[in-house]
Amino acid sequence: MAVWLTSVHIGPLLLLPLLNLPVWLKLVMVSIALYSLLDAWRRLIRRSHPAAVQSVTWKDAGHCRLLLQSGKQLDVMLASQAFIMPWLVVLQFRTSPRHVRYLPVLADMLDEEVFRLLRVRLRIAMDQGTQ
């Protein structure tokens, strides 16, 4: 996860020298990318951020409960869409009508069979949601 997260944040910055932008704007873009990387690192890698997800409990009809690092529990609704690949699943939760929360789950974060079952269950839920 650390390599993926770093690549997503640093990769676009490698294109900055190719862009014809003022130096101050490039510095702003670098600052934003680094802040985002540090925030994501605290939430997703170190899980030291109070809003970092510690566990997800899938309840019925797409309802889930998130246990956060702070000890707070959030009842959320699993969105009708998710990014599902053999090596990565990105879950999308609705915490309110206007607020969406994403949770990336890499294949090596779970047991191989549990990760497969998660992908299957999500595909079934997505198919039922579109009918």
N, C-alpha and C. Protein backbone atom coordinates (compact mmCIF):
# COMPACT_ATOMS: atom_id res chain seq x y z
N MET A 1 0.82 -1.18 0.00
CA MET A 1 0.00 0.00 0.00
C MET A 1 0.87 1.25 0.00
N ALA A 2 1.99 1.21 0.71
CA ALA A 2 2.85 2.39 0.80
C ALA A 2 3.41 2.78 -0.56
N VAL A 3 3.83 1.79 -1.34
CA VAL A 3 4.39 2.08 -2.67
C VAL A 3 3.31 2.67 -3.57
N TRP A 4 2.12 2.07 -3.52
CA TRP A 4 1.00 2.56 -4.34
C TRP A 4 0.65 3.99 -3.97
N LEU A 5 0.52 4.25 -2.68
CA LEU A 5 0.15 5.58 -2.20
C LEU A 5 1.19 6.62 -2.59
N THR A 6 2.45 6.28 -2.42
CA THR A 6 3.53 7.21 -2.78
C THR A 6 3.55 7.46 -4.29
N SER A 7 3.37 6.42 -5.07
CA SER A 7 3.36 6.57 -6.53
C SER A 7 2.24 7.48 -7.00
N VAL A 8 1.07 7.31 -6.42
CA VAL A 8 -0.08 8.11 -6.82
C VAL A 8 0.15 9.59 -6.52
N HIS A 9 0.84 9.88 -5.44
CA HIS A 9 1.05 11.28 -5.06
C HIS A 9 2.30 11.90 -5.71
N ILE A 10 3.36 11.14 -5.83
CA ILE A 10 4.62 11.69 -6.35
C ILE A 10 4.68 11.62 -7.87
N GLY A 11 4.06 10.59 -8.46
CA GLY A 11 4.10 10.42 -9.92
C GLY A 11 3.69 11.66 -10.69
N PRO A 12 2.54 12.25 -10.40
CA PRO A 12 2.15 13.46 -11.13
C PRO A 12 3.12 14.63 -10.96
N LEU A 13 3.80 14.68 -9.82
CA LEU A 13 4.75 15.78 -9.60
C LEU A 13 5.95 15.68 -10.54
N LEU A 14 6.23 14.49 -11.04
CA LEU A 14 7.34 14.33 -11.98
C LEU A 14 7.06 15.02 -13.31
N LEU A 15 5.79 15.30 -13.57
CA LEU A 15 5.42 16.00 -14.80
C LEU A 15 5.54 17.51 -14.69
N LEU A 16 5.68 18.03 -13.49
CA LEU A 16 5.72 19.49 -13.30
C LEU A 16 6.81 20.18 -14.11
N PRO A 17 8.02 19.63 -14.20
CA PRO A 17 9.04 20.33 -15.00
C PRO A 17 8.65 20.47 -16.47
N LEU A 18 7.78 19.61 -16.95
CA LEU A 18 7.36 19.66 -18.35
C LEU A 18 6.28 20.70 -18.61
N LEU A 19 5.65 21.17 -17.54
CA LEU A 19 4.56 22.13 -17.68
C LEU A 19 5.09 23.56 -17.68
N ASN A 20 4.50 24.39 -18.49
CA ASN A 20 4.88 25.79 -18.58
C ASN A 20 4.03 26.59 -17.59
N LEU A 21 4.37 26.47 -16.31
CA LEU A 21 3.63 27.15 -15.26
C LEU A 21 4.58 28.01 -14.45
N PRO A 22 4.07 29.06 -13.80
CA PRO A 22 4.94 29.87 -12.93
C PRO A 22 5.46 29.03 -11.76
N VAL A 23 6.63 29.38 -11.29
CA VAL A 23 7.28 28.64 -10.20
C VAL A 23 6.39 28.62 -8.96
N TRP A 24 5.74 29.75 -8.64
CA TRP A 24 4.91 29.81 -7.44
C TRP A 24 3.76 28.80 -7.52
N LEU A 25 3.20 28.61 -8.71
CA LEU A 25 2.10 27.66 -8.88
C LEU A 25 2.60 26.22 -8.74
N LYS A 26 3.79 25.97 -9.25
CA LYS A 26 4.39 24.63 -9.09
C LYS A 26 4.63 24.33 -7.61
N LEU A 27 5.10 25.34 -6.86
CA LEU A 27 5.33 25.16 -5.42
C LEU A 27 4.02 24.89 -4.69
N VAL A 28 2.96 25.57 -5.08
CA VAL A 28 1.65 25.32 -4.48
C VAL A 28 1.21 23.89 -4.76
N MET A 29 1.39 23.44 -5.99
CA MET A 29 1.00 22.08 -6.36
C MET A 29 1.81 21.03 -5.59
N VAL A 30 3.10 21.27 -5.42
CA VAL A 30 3.95 20.36 -4.65
C VAL A 30 3.49 20.33 -3.19
N SER A 31 3.19 21.50 -2.63
CA SER A 31 2.74 21.58 -1.24
C SER A 31 1.44 20.80 -1.03
N ILE A 32 0.50 20.98 -1.95
CA ILE A 32 -0.79 20.28 -1.85
C ILE A 32 -0.59 18.77 -1.95
N ALA A 33 0.23 18.34 -2.88
CA ALA A 33 0.47 16.90 -3.06
C ALA A 33 1.15 16.30 -1.83
N LEU A 34 2.13 17.01 -1.26
CA LEU A 34 2.81 16.49 -0.07
C LEU A 34 1.90 16.46 1.14
N TYR A 35 1.07 17.49 1.29
CA TYR A 35 0.11 17.48 2.39
C TYR A 35 -0.86 16.30 2.25
N SER A 36 -1.35 16.09 1.05
CA SER A 36 -2.26 14.98 0.79
C SER A 36 -1.58 13.64 1.07
N LEU A 37 -0.33 13.51 0.66
CA LEU A 37 0.42 12.27 0.92
C LEU A 37 0.57 12.03 2.42
N LEU A 38 0.94 13.06 3.17
CA LEU A 38 1.11 12.90 4.62
C LEU A 38 -0.22 12.55 5.31
N ASP A 39 -1.29 13.20 4.89
CA ASP A 39 -2.60 12.92 5.47
C ASP A 39 -3.04 11.49 5.15
N ALA A 40 -2.88 11.09 3.91
CA ALA A 40 -3.25 9.73 3.51
C ALA A 40 -2.36 8.70 4.21
N TRP A 41 -1.10 9.02 4.39
CA TRP A 41 -0.17 8.11 5.07
C TRP A 41 -0.63 7.87 6.51
N ARG A 42 -1.04 8.94 7.19
CA ARG A 42 -1.52 8.80 8.57
C ARG A 42 -2.81 7.99 8.64
N ARG A 43 -3.71 8.17 7.65
CA ARG A 43 -4.99 7.46 7.67
C ARG A 43 -4.89 6.02 7.18
N LEU A 44 -4.10 5.79 6.13
CA LEU A 44 -4.11 4.49 5.47
C LEU A 44 -2.94 3.58 5.82
N ILE A 45 -1.77 4.11 6.07
CA ILE A 45 -0.59 3.29 6.34
C ILE A 45 -0.36 3.15 7.85
N ARG A 46 -0.14 4.28 8.52
CA ARG A 46 0.13 4.23 9.96
C ARG A 46 -1.14 4.04 10.78
N ARG A 47 -2.25 4.47 10.23
CA ARG A 47 -3.56 4.43 10.91
C ARG A 47 -3.51 5.12 12.27
N SER A 48 -2.78 6.22 12.32
CA SER A 48 -2.68 6.99 13.56
C SER A 48 -3.67 8.15 13.58
N HIS A 49 -4.25 8.46 12.47
CA HIS A 49 -5.23 9.54 12.38
C HIS A 49 -6.51 9.11 13.08
N PRO A 50 -7.15 9.98 13.86
CA PRO A 50 -8.39 9.59 14.55
C PRO A 50 -9.48 9.09 13.61
N ALA A 51 -9.47 9.52 12.36
CA ALA A 51 -10.50 9.10 11.40
C ALA A 51 -10.11 7.86 10.60
N ALA A 52 -8.97 7.26 10.94
CA ALA A 52 -8.52 6.05 10.22
C ALA A 52 -9.45 4.88 10.53
N VAL A 53 -9.80 4.13 9.50
CA VAL A 53 -10.70 2.99 9.65
C VAL A 53 -9.91 1.80 10.20
N GLN A 54 -10.38 1.25 11.31
CA GLN A 54 -9.75 0.08 11.90
C GLN A 54 -10.41 -1.21 11.46
N SER A 55 -11.74 -1.18 11.31
CA SER A 55 -12.45 -2.37 10.85
C SER A 55 -13.76 -1.97 10.20
N VAL A 56 -14.24 -2.88 9.35
CA VAL A 56 -15.52 -2.70 8.66
C VAL A 56 -16.36 -3.92 8.94
N THR A 57 -17.58 -3.71 9.38
CA THR A 57 -18.53 -4.80 9.59
C THR A 57 -19.67 -4.60 8.60
N TRP A 58 -19.83 -5.58 7.73
CA TRP A 58 -20.87 -5.52 6.70
C TRP A 58 -22.15 -6.07 7.30
N LYS A 59 -23.16 -5.23 7.38
CA LYS A 59 -24.45 -5.65 7.91
C LYS A 59 -25.37 -5.95 6.73
N ASP A 60 -26.64 -5.90 6.90
CA ASP A 60 -27.57 -6.25 5.83
C ASP A 60 -27.85 -5.08 4.89
N ALA A 61 -28.25 -5.41 3.67
CA ALA A 61 -28.71 -4.44 2.66
C ALA A 61 -27.74 -3.29 2.42
N GLY A 62 -26.44 -3.58 2.42
CA GLY A 62 -25.46 -2.55 2.11
C GLY A 62 -25.10 -1.64 3.26
N HIS A 63 -25.67 -1.86 4.42
CA HIS A 63 -25.30 -1.07 5.59
C HIS A 63 -24.02 -1.63 6.19
N CYS A 64 -23.14 -0.74 6.59
CA CYS A 64 -21.88 -1.14 7.20
C CYS A 64 -21.62 -0.31 8.44
N ARG A 65 -20.76 -0.83 9.28
CA ARG A 65 -20.33 -0.08 10.46
C ARG A 65 -18.81 0.01 10.40
N LEU A 66 -18.32 1.24 10.47
CA LEU A 66 -16.89 1.49 10.49
C LEU A 66 -16.44 1.78 11.91
N LEU A 67 -15.40 1.10 12.34
CA LEU A 67 -14.78 1.39 13.63
C LEU A 67 -13.55 2.23 13.34
N LEU A 68 -13.51 3.44 13.88
CA LEU A 68 -12.42 4.36 13.63
C LEU A 68 -11.36 4.26 14.72
N GLN A 69 -10.17 4.78 14.42
CA GLN A 69 -9.06 4.78 15.38
C GLN A 69 -9.44 5.49 16.66
N SER A 70 -10.27 6.49 16.56
CA SER A 70 -10.68 7.26 17.74
C SER A 70 -11.63 6.47 18.65
N GLY A 71 -12.09 5.30 18.18
CA GLY A 71 -13.04 4.51 18.94
C GLY A 71 -14.48 4.76 18.53
N LYS A 72 -14.68 5.78 17.74
CA LYS A 72 -16.02 6.12 17.26
C LYS A 72 -16.47 5.09 16.22
N GLN A 73 -17.77 4.80 16.23
CA GLN A 73 -18.35 3.90 15.24
C GLN A 73 -19.27 4.70 14.33
N LEU A 74 -19.13 4.47 13.04
CA LEU A 74 -19.97 5.16 12.06
C LEU A 74 -20.83 4.14 11.34
N ASP A 75 -22.13 4.38 11.31
CA ASP A 75 -23.02 3.57 10.48
C ASP A 75 -23.08 4.25 9.12
N VAL A 76 -22.68 3.51 8.11
CA VAL A 76 -22.59 4.06 6.76
C VAL A 76 -23.32 3.15 5.79
N MET A 77 -23.53 3.67 4.59
CA MET A 77 -24.16 2.90 3.53
C MET A 77 -23.12 2.65 2.46
N LEU A 78 -22.96 1.38 2.08
CA LEU A 78 -22.05 1.05 1.00
C LEU A 78 -22.65 1.56 -0.30
N ALA A 79 -21.89 2.36 -1.03
CA ALA A 79 -22.40 2.94 -2.29
C ALA A 79 -22.62 1.84 -3.31
N SER A 80 -23.42 2.16 -4.31
CA SER A 80 -23.77 1.17 -5.32
C SER A 80 -22.67 0.96 -6.34
N GLN A 81 -21.52 1.54 -6.10
CA GLN A 81 -20.38 1.34 -6.99
C GLN A 81 -19.12 1.14 -6.18
N ALA A 82 -18.21 0.36 -6.75
CA ALA A 82 -16.91 0.12 -6.14
C ALA A 82 -15.93 -0.21 -7.24
N PHE A 83 -14.67 0.05 -6.99
CA PHE A 83 -13.62 -0.32 -7.93
C PHE A 83 -13.14 -1.70 -7.52
N ILE A 84 -13.29 -2.68 -8.40
CA ILE A 84 -12.97 -4.06 -8.06
C ILE A 84 -12.00 -4.62 -9.09
N MET A 85 -10.81 -4.95 -8.63
CA MET A 85 -9.79 -5.59 -9.46
C MET A 85 -9.22 -6.76 -8.67
N PRO A 86 -8.51 -7.68 -9.33
CA PRO A 86 -7.95 -8.83 -8.60
C PRO A 86 -6.97 -8.44 -7.49
N TRP A 87 -6.34 -7.28 -7.58
CA TRP A 87 -5.34 -6.87 -6.59
C TRP A 87 -5.79 -5.70 -5.72
N LEU A 88 -6.90 -5.07 -6.06
CA LEU A 88 -7.34 -3.88 -5.34
C LEU A 88 -8.85 -3.74 -5.37
N VAL A 89 -9.41 -3.39 -4.22
CA VAL A 89 -10.83 -3.03 -4.13
C VAL A 89 -10.88 -1.67 -3.44
N VAL A 90 -11.63 -0.75 -4.02
CA VAL A 90 -11.84 0.55 -3.37
C VAL A 90 -13.32 0.64 -3.03
N LEU A 91 -13.60 0.61 -1.73
CA LEU A 91 -14.97 0.70 -1.26
C LEU A 91 -15.37 2.16 -1.13
N GLN A 92 -16.60 2.43 -1.44
CA GLN A 92 -17.13 3.79 -1.34
C GLN A 92 -18.30 3.76 -0.36
N PHE A 93 -18.19 4.54 0.71
CA PHE A 93 -19.23 4.60 1.72
C PHE A 93 -19.86 5.98 1.73
N ARG A 94 -21.16 6.03 1.92
CA ARG A 94 -21.88 7.30 2.09
C ARG A 94 -22.13 7.47 3.59
N THR A 95 -21.52 8.51 4.15
CA THR A 95 -21.74 8.79 5.57
C THR A 95 -22.89 9.77 5.75
N SER A 96 -23.19 10.52 4.71
CA SER A 96 -24.33 11.44 4.67
C SER A 96 -24.64 11.66 3.20
N PRO A 97 -25.75 12.32 2.89
CA PRO A 97 -26.07 12.51 1.47
C PRO A 97 -24.97 13.22 0.67
N ARG A 98 -24.19 14.05 1.33
CA ARG A 98 -23.16 14.80 0.61
C ARG A 98 -21.74 14.34 0.90
N HIS A 99 -21.55 13.44 1.83
CA HIS A 99 -20.19 13.05 2.21
C HIS A 99 -19.92 11.60 1.83
N VAL A 100 -18.82 11.41 1.10
CA VAL A 100 -18.42 10.08 0.66
C VAL A 100 -17.05 9.78 1.26
N ARG A 101 -16.86 8.54 1.66
CA ARG A 101 -15.59 8.11 2.22
C ARG A 101 -15.11 6.90 1.44
N TYR A 102 -13.83 6.87 1.09
CA TYR A 102 -13.27 5.77 0.31
C TYR A 102 -12.33 4.95 1.19
N LEU A 103 -12.32 3.65 0.94
CA LEU A 103 -11.41 2.76 1.67
C LEU A 103 -10.76 1.81 0.68
N PRO A 104 -9.47 2.03 0.37
CA PRO A 104 -8.77 1.08 -0.51
C PRO A 104 -8.37 -0.16 0.28
N VAL A 105 -8.58 -1.32 -0.34
CA VAL A 105 -8.21 -2.60 0.27
C VAL A 105 -7.37 -3.35 -0.76
N LEU A 106 -6.09 -3.53 -0.45
CA LEU A 106 -5.21 -4.29 -1.33
C LEU A 106 -5.29 -5.77 -1.01
N ALA A 107 -4.96 -6.58 -1.99
CA ALA A 107 -5.08 -8.04 -1.85
C ALA A 107 -4.26 -8.57 -0.68
N ASP A 108 -3.10 -7.99 -0.41
CA ASP A 108 -2.26 -8.51 0.67
C ASP A 108 -2.68 -8.03 2.07
N MET A 109 -3.75 -7.25 2.15
CA MET A 109 -4.25 -6.79 3.44
C MET A 109 -5.16 -7.82 4.10
N LEU A 110 -5.67 -8.75 3.29
CA LEU A 110 -6.60 -9.78 3.78
C LEU A 110 -6.11 -11.15 3.36
N ASP A 111 -6.64 -12.15 4.01
CA ASP A 111 -6.41 -13.52 3.59
C ASP A 111 -6.89 -13.66 2.14
N GLU A 112 -6.22 -14.47 1.35
CA GLU A 112 -6.56 -14.61 -0.07
C GLU A 112 -8.02 -14.99 -0.29
N GLU A 113 -8.52 -15.94 0.49
CA GLU A 113 -9.91 -16.39 0.34
C GLU A 113 -10.89 -15.31 0.78
N VAL A 114 -10.58 -14.59 1.84
CA VAL A 114 -11.45 -13.51 2.32
C VAL A 114 -11.51 -12.40 1.28
N PHE A 115 -10.37 -12.07 0.67
CA PHE A 115 -10.35 -11.03 -0.37
C PHE A 115 -11.18 -11.46 -1.58
N ARG A 116 -11.09 -12.73 -1.96
CA ARG A 116 -11.89 -13.24 -3.08
C ARG A 116 -13.38 -13.16 -2.75
N LEU A 117 -13.74 -13.56 -1.53
CA LEU A 117 -15.14 -13.50 -1.12
C LEU A 117 -15.66 -12.06 -1.09
N LEU A 118 -14.81 -11.13 -0.67
CA LEU A 118 -15.20 -9.72 -0.68
C LEU A 118 -15.51 -9.26 -2.10
N ARG A 119 -14.64 -9.60 -3.04
CA ARG A 119 -14.87 -9.20 -4.44
C ARG A 119 -16.15 -9.81 -4.99
N VAL A 120 -16.38 -11.09 -4.68
CA VAL A 120 -17.60 -11.76 -5.16
C VAL A 120 -18.83 -11.10 -4.55
N ARG A 121 -18.81 -10.87 -3.26
CA ARG A 121 -19.97 -10.27 -2.59
C ARG A 121 -20.25 -8.86 -3.12
N LEU A 122 -19.20 -8.11 -3.37
CA LEU A 122 -19.38 -6.76 -3.94
C LEU A 122 -19.98 -6.83 -5.34
N ARG A 123 -19.48 -7.76 -6.15
CA ARG A 123 -20.05 -7.87 -7.51
C ARG A 123 -21.51 -8.25 -7.47
N ILE A 124 -21.88 -9.17 -6.59
CA ILE A 124 -23.28 -9.56 -6.45
C ILE A 124 -24.12 -8.38 -5.99
N ALA A 125 -23.63 -7.64 -5.00
CA ALA A 125 -24.35 -6.48 -4.49
C ALA A 125 -24.48 -5.40 -5.57
N MET A 126 -23.44 -5.21 -6.38
CA MET A 126 -23.50 -4.22 -7.45
C MET A 126 -24.52 -4.64 -8.51
N ASP A 127 -24.55 -5.92 -8.84
CA ASP A 127 -25.51 -6.42 -9.84
C ASP A 127 -26.93 -6.26 -9.35
N GLN A 128 -27.18 -6.54 -8.07
CA GLN A 128 -28.52 -6.40 -7.52
C GLN A 128 -28.93 -4.94 -7.45
N GLY A 129 -27.98 -4.07 -7.24
CA GLY A 129 -28.27 -2.65 -7.15
C GLY A 129 -28.64 -2.02 -8.49
N THR A 130 -28.18 -2.63 -9.58
CA THR A 130 -28.46 -2.06 -10.90
C THR A 130 -29.73 -2.62 -11.53
N GLN A 131 -30.33 -3.61 -10.91
CA GLN A 131 -31.54 -4.20 -11.49
C GLN A 131 -32.78 -3.58 -10.94
